[in-house]
Structures are given as structure tokens and as C-alpha cells.
Amino acid sequence: MRRPLSIYKTSDWQPAIDRTLGDQMGVRSCEFIGDRIAVGGFNGKIYIYNLQTGDELLNWKGHDNAVTSLIYNNGRLFSTSRDGHLKIWDIGTGKLI
């Protein structure tokens, strides 16, 4: 059973997405990217979801341990992990830069 990541609308504090995001252990980190959200899992995977629908758009194995932080800047997603690595990704393809 997955643990939920709750995202609420600030206008009325109702849930914005009625889906569970991330991996079996839950969400370790997240970063908003316009109408998408990047989610880092405990399993080392990075997921990209549509923020309006909650649909998963892309996912890839980014690290050998939990993703501890995600930062989006200028079309690139920076990730760090408990595996001790910093990686830079193309946000459109999930390919390592």
C-alpha cells in the first residue's frame, strides 16, 4: 500500500489530486514544475506527474538509494540521494545530462 502525498488547493484547502504519488514507501522529496510535479521516491526513482490530473507522465531509476532533494532550473532537474550523488536530468526525457 502506498503512502499518499497530499496536495491541496489554497483557495479552499480541498485536495487538488485524488491519487497517491511516489513509491511504496511514500514520497521523499518533490519539486513543482509549472503544471507538473517531480517526485523523488525512497526507491531511488524519480516520477513526473501532471499536477491537474495526477497522471504519471514519466519515471526513471535515478539513484541507488532514496532521492533526498529535487530542484528544477532552466529545463533541468537536479537530484541528490542518500547514495551520495548529485545528478542532472533532462526534464523532458528523464535522460542523465
N, C-alpha and C. Protein backbone atom coordinates (compact mmCIF):
# COMPACT_ATOMS: atom_id res chain seq x y z
N MET A 1 0.84 -1.19 0.00
CA MET A 1 0.00 0.00 0.00
C MET A 1 0.88 1.25 0.00
N ARG A 2 0.60 2.15 -0.90
CA ARG A 2 1.38 3.38 -0.98
C ARG A 2 0.93 4.40 0.05
N ARG A 3 1.87 5.20 0.49
CA ARG A 3 1.55 6.31 1.38
C ARG A 3 1.30 7.54 0.53
N PRO A 4 0.30 8.34 0.84
CA PRO A 4 -0.08 9.45 -0.04
C PRO A 4 0.79 10.68 0.13
N LEU A 5 0.91 11.43 -0.97
CA LEU A 5 1.41 12.80 -0.95
C LEU A 5 0.18 13.66 -1.14
N SER A 6 -0.15 14.51 -0.19
CA SER A 6 -1.34 15.34 -0.27
C SER A 6 -0.98 16.71 -0.82
N ILE A 7 -1.69 17.12 -1.86
CA ILE A 7 -1.54 18.44 -2.45
C ILE A 7 -2.90 19.11 -2.39
N TYR A 8 -2.97 20.28 -1.76
CA TYR A 8 -4.23 20.96 -1.56
C TYR A 8 -4.28 22.28 -2.32
N LYS A 9 -5.49 22.66 -2.74
CA LYS A 9 -5.71 23.98 -3.34
C LYS A 9 -5.76 24.99 -2.21
N THR A 10 -5.03 26.08 -2.32
CA THR A 10 -5.02 27.08 -1.26
C THR A 10 -6.31 27.90 -1.23
N SER A 11 -7.10 27.86 -2.29
CA SER A 11 -8.35 28.63 -2.32
C SER A 11 -9.38 28.09 -1.34
N ASP A 12 -9.47 26.75 -1.22
CA ASP A 12 -10.48 26.17 -0.31
C ASP A 12 -9.93 25.00 0.53
N TRP A 13 -8.64 24.71 0.41
CA TRP A 13 -7.95 23.66 1.14
C TRP A 13 -8.56 22.28 0.90
N GLN A 14 -9.12 22.09 -0.30
CA GLN A 14 -9.59 20.78 -0.73
C GLN A 14 -8.46 20.09 -1.49
N PRO A 15 -8.43 18.76 -1.48
CA PRO A 15 -7.37 18.06 -2.23
C PRO A 15 -7.37 18.44 -3.71
N ALA A 16 -6.19 18.72 -4.24
CA ALA A 16 -6.04 19.06 -5.66
C ALA A 16 -5.90 17.80 -6.50
N ILE A 17 -5.32 16.76 -5.94
CA ILE A 17 -5.14 15.50 -6.65
C ILE A 17 -5.65 14.38 -5.75
N ASP A 18 -6.51 13.56 -6.28
CA ASP A 18 -7.06 12.44 -5.51
C ASP A 18 -6.38 11.15 -5.93
N ARG A 19 -5.06 11.14 -5.86
CA ARG A 19 -4.28 9.95 -6.20
C ARG A 19 -3.07 9.87 -5.28
N THR A 20 -2.54 8.69 -5.17
CA THR A 20 -1.33 8.51 -4.39
C THR A 20 -0.14 8.53 -5.34
N LEU A 21 0.85 9.35 -5.01
CA LEU A 21 2.03 9.52 -5.85
C LEU A 21 3.25 8.90 -5.19
N GLY A 22 4.25 8.57 -5.99
CA GLY A 22 5.50 8.06 -5.45
C GLY A 22 5.55 6.55 -5.39
N ASP A 23 6.41 6.03 -4.52
CA ASP A 23 6.62 4.59 -4.44
C ASP A 23 5.92 4.00 -3.21
N GLN A 24 6.17 2.73 -2.94
CA GLN A 24 5.52 2.02 -1.84
C GLN A 24 5.79 2.66 -0.47
N MET A 25 6.95 3.26 -0.31
CA MET A 25 7.31 3.87 0.97
C MET A 25 6.80 5.30 1.11
N GLY A 26 6.39 5.90 0.00
CA GLY A 26 5.92 7.28 0.03
C GLY A 26 6.83 8.19 -0.77
N VAL A 27 6.75 9.45 -0.45
CA VAL A 27 7.50 10.49 -1.17
C VAL A 27 8.60 11.02 -0.28
N ARG A 28 9.80 11.08 -0.80
CA ARG A 28 10.96 11.59 -0.05
C ARG A 28 11.21 13.06 -0.36
N SER A 29 10.89 13.49 -1.59
CA SER A 29 11.11 14.88 -2.00
C SER A 29 10.21 15.20 -3.18
N CYS A 30 9.95 16.48 -3.39
CA CYS A 30 9.16 16.88 -4.55
C CYS A 30 9.54 18.29 -4.98
N GLU A 31 9.23 18.61 -6.24
CA GLU A 31 9.53 19.91 -6.81
C GLU A 31 8.44 20.24 -7.82
N PHE A 32 7.83 21.42 -7.69
CA PHE A 32 6.81 21.85 -8.63
C PHE A 32 7.47 22.42 -9.87
N ILE A 33 6.94 22.01 -11.05
CA ILE A 33 7.49 22.43 -12.34
C ILE A 33 6.30 22.84 -13.22
N GLY A 34 5.84 24.07 -13.05
CA GLY A 34 4.69 24.53 -13.81
C GLY A 34 3.47 23.69 -13.52
N ASP A 35 2.93 23.01 -14.54
CA ASP A 35 1.75 22.17 -14.35
C ASP A 35 2.11 20.71 -14.06
N ARG A 36 3.35 20.48 -13.67
CA ARG A 36 3.83 19.14 -13.32
C ARG A 36 4.47 19.16 -11.94
N ILE A 37 4.65 17.99 -11.41
CA ILE A 37 5.38 17.86 -10.15
C ILE A 37 6.36 16.70 -10.30
N ALA A 38 7.59 16.92 -9.88
CA ALA A 38 8.60 15.86 -9.83
C ALA A 38 8.60 15.31 -8.41
N VAL A 39 8.61 13.99 -8.30
CA VAL A 39 8.57 13.33 -7.00
C VAL A 39 9.74 12.37 -6.91
N GLY A 40 10.48 12.44 -5.82
CA GLY A 40 11.58 11.52 -5.57
C GLY A 40 11.17 10.48 -4.57
N GLY A 41 11.40 9.22 -4.90
CA GLY A 41 10.98 8.13 -4.03
C GLY A 41 12.09 7.59 -3.15
N PHE A 42 11.68 6.82 -2.18
CA PHE A 42 12.62 6.12 -1.31
C PHE A 42 13.36 5.04 -2.10
N ASN A 43 12.77 4.61 -3.23
CA ASN A 43 13.35 3.54 -4.05
C ASN A 43 14.38 4.06 -5.06
N GLY A 44 14.69 5.35 -5.03
CA GLY A 44 15.67 5.92 -5.95
C GLY A 44 15.09 6.36 -7.28
N LYS A 45 13.78 6.16 -7.47
CA LYS A 45 13.15 6.56 -8.72
C LYS A 45 12.68 8.01 -8.66
N ILE A 46 12.61 8.62 -9.83
CA ILE A 46 12.06 9.97 -9.99
C ILE A 46 10.82 9.83 -10.86
N TYR A 47 9.73 10.43 -10.42
CA TYR A 47 8.46 10.37 -11.13
C TYR A 47 8.05 11.79 -11.52
N ILE A 48 7.45 11.94 -12.70
CA ILE A 48 6.88 13.21 -13.13
C ILE A 48 5.38 12.99 -13.30
N TYR A 49 4.58 13.84 -12.63
CA TYR A 49 3.13 13.73 -12.69
C TYR A 49 2.52 15.02 -13.21
N ASN A 50 1.37 14.88 -13.88
CA ASN A 50 0.56 16.04 -14.24
C ASN A 50 -0.11 16.53 -12.97
N LEU A 51 0.06 17.79 -12.64
CA LEU A 51 -0.45 18.34 -11.40
C LEU A 51 -1.97 18.43 -11.38
N GLN A 52 -2.60 18.61 -12.53
CA GLN A 52 -4.06 18.73 -12.60
C GLN A 52 -4.76 17.39 -12.46
N THR A 53 -4.22 16.36 -13.12
CA THR A 53 -4.90 15.07 -13.15
C THR A 53 -4.28 14.02 -12.23
N GLY A 54 -3.02 14.21 -11.88
CA GLY A 54 -2.31 13.21 -11.10
C GLY A 54 -1.76 12.08 -11.94
N ASP A 55 -1.94 12.15 -13.27
CA ASP A 55 -1.44 11.10 -14.16
C ASP A 55 0.09 11.09 -14.18
N GLU A 56 0.66 9.90 -14.13
CA GLU A 56 2.11 9.76 -14.24
C GLU A 56 2.52 9.96 -15.69
N LEU A 57 3.44 10.89 -15.93
CA LEU A 57 3.90 11.19 -17.27
C LEU A 57 5.20 10.47 -17.61
N LEU A 58 6.05 10.27 -16.60
CA LEU A 58 7.38 9.72 -16.82
C LEU A 58 7.93 9.24 -15.49
N ASN A 59 8.77 8.20 -15.52
CA ASN A 59 9.52 7.82 -14.33
C ASN A 59 10.79 7.12 -14.77
N TRP A 60 11.81 7.21 -13.93
CA TRP A 60 13.08 6.54 -14.23
C TRP A 60 13.83 6.29 -12.93
N LYS A 61 14.69 5.28 -12.98
CA LYS A 61 15.55 4.97 -11.83
C LYS A 61 16.71 5.95 -11.85
N GLY A 62 16.72 6.87 -10.89
CA GLY A 62 17.73 7.91 -10.87
C GLY A 62 18.90 7.62 -9.94
N HIS A 63 18.65 6.89 -8.87
CA HIS A 63 19.67 6.67 -7.84
C HIS A 63 19.57 5.26 -7.26
N ASP A 64 20.60 4.90 -6.52
CA ASP A 64 20.64 3.60 -5.87
C ASP A 64 20.07 3.63 -4.46
N ASN A 65 19.61 4.80 -4.01
CA ASN A 65 19.02 4.95 -2.69
C ASN A 65 18.00 6.07 -2.76
N ALA A 66 17.39 6.43 -1.65
CA ALA A 66 16.32 7.43 -1.61
C ALA A 66 16.77 8.76 -2.22
N VAL A 67 15.87 9.36 -2.99
CA VAL A 67 16.10 10.70 -3.56
C VAL A 67 15.81 11.71 -2.45
N THR A 68 16.82 12.46 -2.04
CA THR A 68 16.67 13.35 -0.90
C THR A 68 16.27 14.77 -1.26
N SER A 69 16.54 15.21 -2.48
CA SER A 69 16.09 16.54 -2.89
C SER A 69 16.01 16.64 -4.41
N LEU A 70 15.11 17.50 -4.85
CA LEU A 70 14.93 17.79 -6.27
C LEU A 70 14.84 19.31 -6.43
N ILE A 71 15.54 19.83 -7.43
CA ILE A 71 15.49 21.26 -7.74
C ILE A 71 15.38 21.39 -9.25
N TYR A 72 14.40 22.18 -9.69
CA TYR A 72 14.21 22.43 -11.12
C TYR A 72 14.76 23.79 -11.46
N ASN A 73 15.54 23.86 -12.57
CA ASN A 73 16.08 25.14 -13.03
C ASN A 73 16.37 25.04 -14.52
N ASN A 74 15.74 25.91 -15.29
CA ASN A 74 16.06 26.09 -16.70
C ASN A 74 15.99 24.79 -17.51
N GLY A 75 14.91 24.03 -17.33
CA GLY A 75 14.72 22.80 -18.10
C GLY A 75 15.46 21.59 -17.58
N ARG A 76 16.16 21.76 -16.48
CA ARG A 76 16.92 20.65 -15.90
C ARG A 76 16.45 20.37 -14.49
N LEU A 77 16.49 19.10 -14.14
CA LEU A 77 16.12 18.68 -12.80
C LEU A 77 17.37 18.16 -12.10
N PHE A 78 17.71 18.75 -10.99
CA PHE A 78 18.86 18.34 -10.19
C PHE A 78 18.34 17.44 -9.07
N SER A 79 19.00 16.31 -8.87
CA SER A 79 18.59 15.40 -7.81
C SER A 79 19.80 15.01 -6.97
N THR A 80 19.54 14.86 -5.68
CA THR A 80 20.55 14.31 -4.77
C THR A 80 19.93 13.09 -4.09
N SER A 81 20.81 12.26 -3.55
CA SER A 81 20.34 11.00 -3.00
C SER A 81 21.19 10.58 -1.81
N ARG A 82 20.64 9.66 -1.05
CA ARG A 82 21.41 9.05 0.04
C ARG A 82 22.55 8.20 -0.49
N ASP A 83 22.59 7.99 -1.82
CA ASP A 83 23.72 7.26 -2.39
C ASP A 83 24.95 8.16 -2.55
N GLY A 84 24.82 9.45 -2.19
CA GLY A 84 25.95 10.37 -2.22
C GLY A 84 26.17 11.08 -3.54
N HIS A 85 25.25 10.94 -4.50
CA HIS A 85 25.44 11.54 -5.82
C HIS A 85 24.49 12.70 -6.08
N LEU A 86 24.98 13.66 -6.83
CA LEU A 86 24.18 14.73 -7.42
C LEU A 86 24.11 14.44 -8.90
N LYS A 87 22.90 14.44 -9.46
CA LYS A 87 22.73 14.17 -10.89
C LYS A 87 21.87 15.26 -11.51
N ILE A 88 22.08 15.49 -12.80
CA ILE A 88 21.33 16.50 -13.55
C ILE A 88 20.61 15.79 -14.69
N TRP A 89 19.30 16.04 -14.81
CA TRP A 89 18.44 15.32 -15.74
C TRP A 89 17.77 16.28 -16.73
N ASP A 90 17.54 15.80 -17.93
CA ASP A 90 16.69 16.49 -18.90
C ASP A 90 15.25 16.20 -18.47
N ILE A 91 14.49 17.21 -18.12
CA ILE A 91 13.16 17.01 -17.57
C ILE A 91 12.17 16.44 -18.59
N GLY A 92 12.42 16.66 -19.87
CA GLY A 92 11.52 16.15 -20.90
C GLY A 92 11.69 14.68 -21.21
N THR A 93 12.89 14.16 -21.01
CA THR A 93 13.18 12.76 -21.37
C THR A 93 13.57 11.89 -20.21
N GLY A 94 14.00 12.50 -19.10
CA GLY A 94 14.49 11.71 -17.97
C GLY A 94 15.91 11.20 -18.20
N LYS A 95 16.57 11.71 -19.21
CA LYS A 95 17.94 11.27 -19.52
C LYS A 95 18.95 12.07 -18.69
N LEU A 96 19.98 11.38 -18.25
CA LEU A 96 21.07 11.99 -17.49
C LEU A 96 21.87 12.92 -18.38
N ILE A 97 22.12 14.13 -17.89
CA ILE A 97 22.94 15.10 -18.63
C ILE A 97 24.38 14.97 -18.18
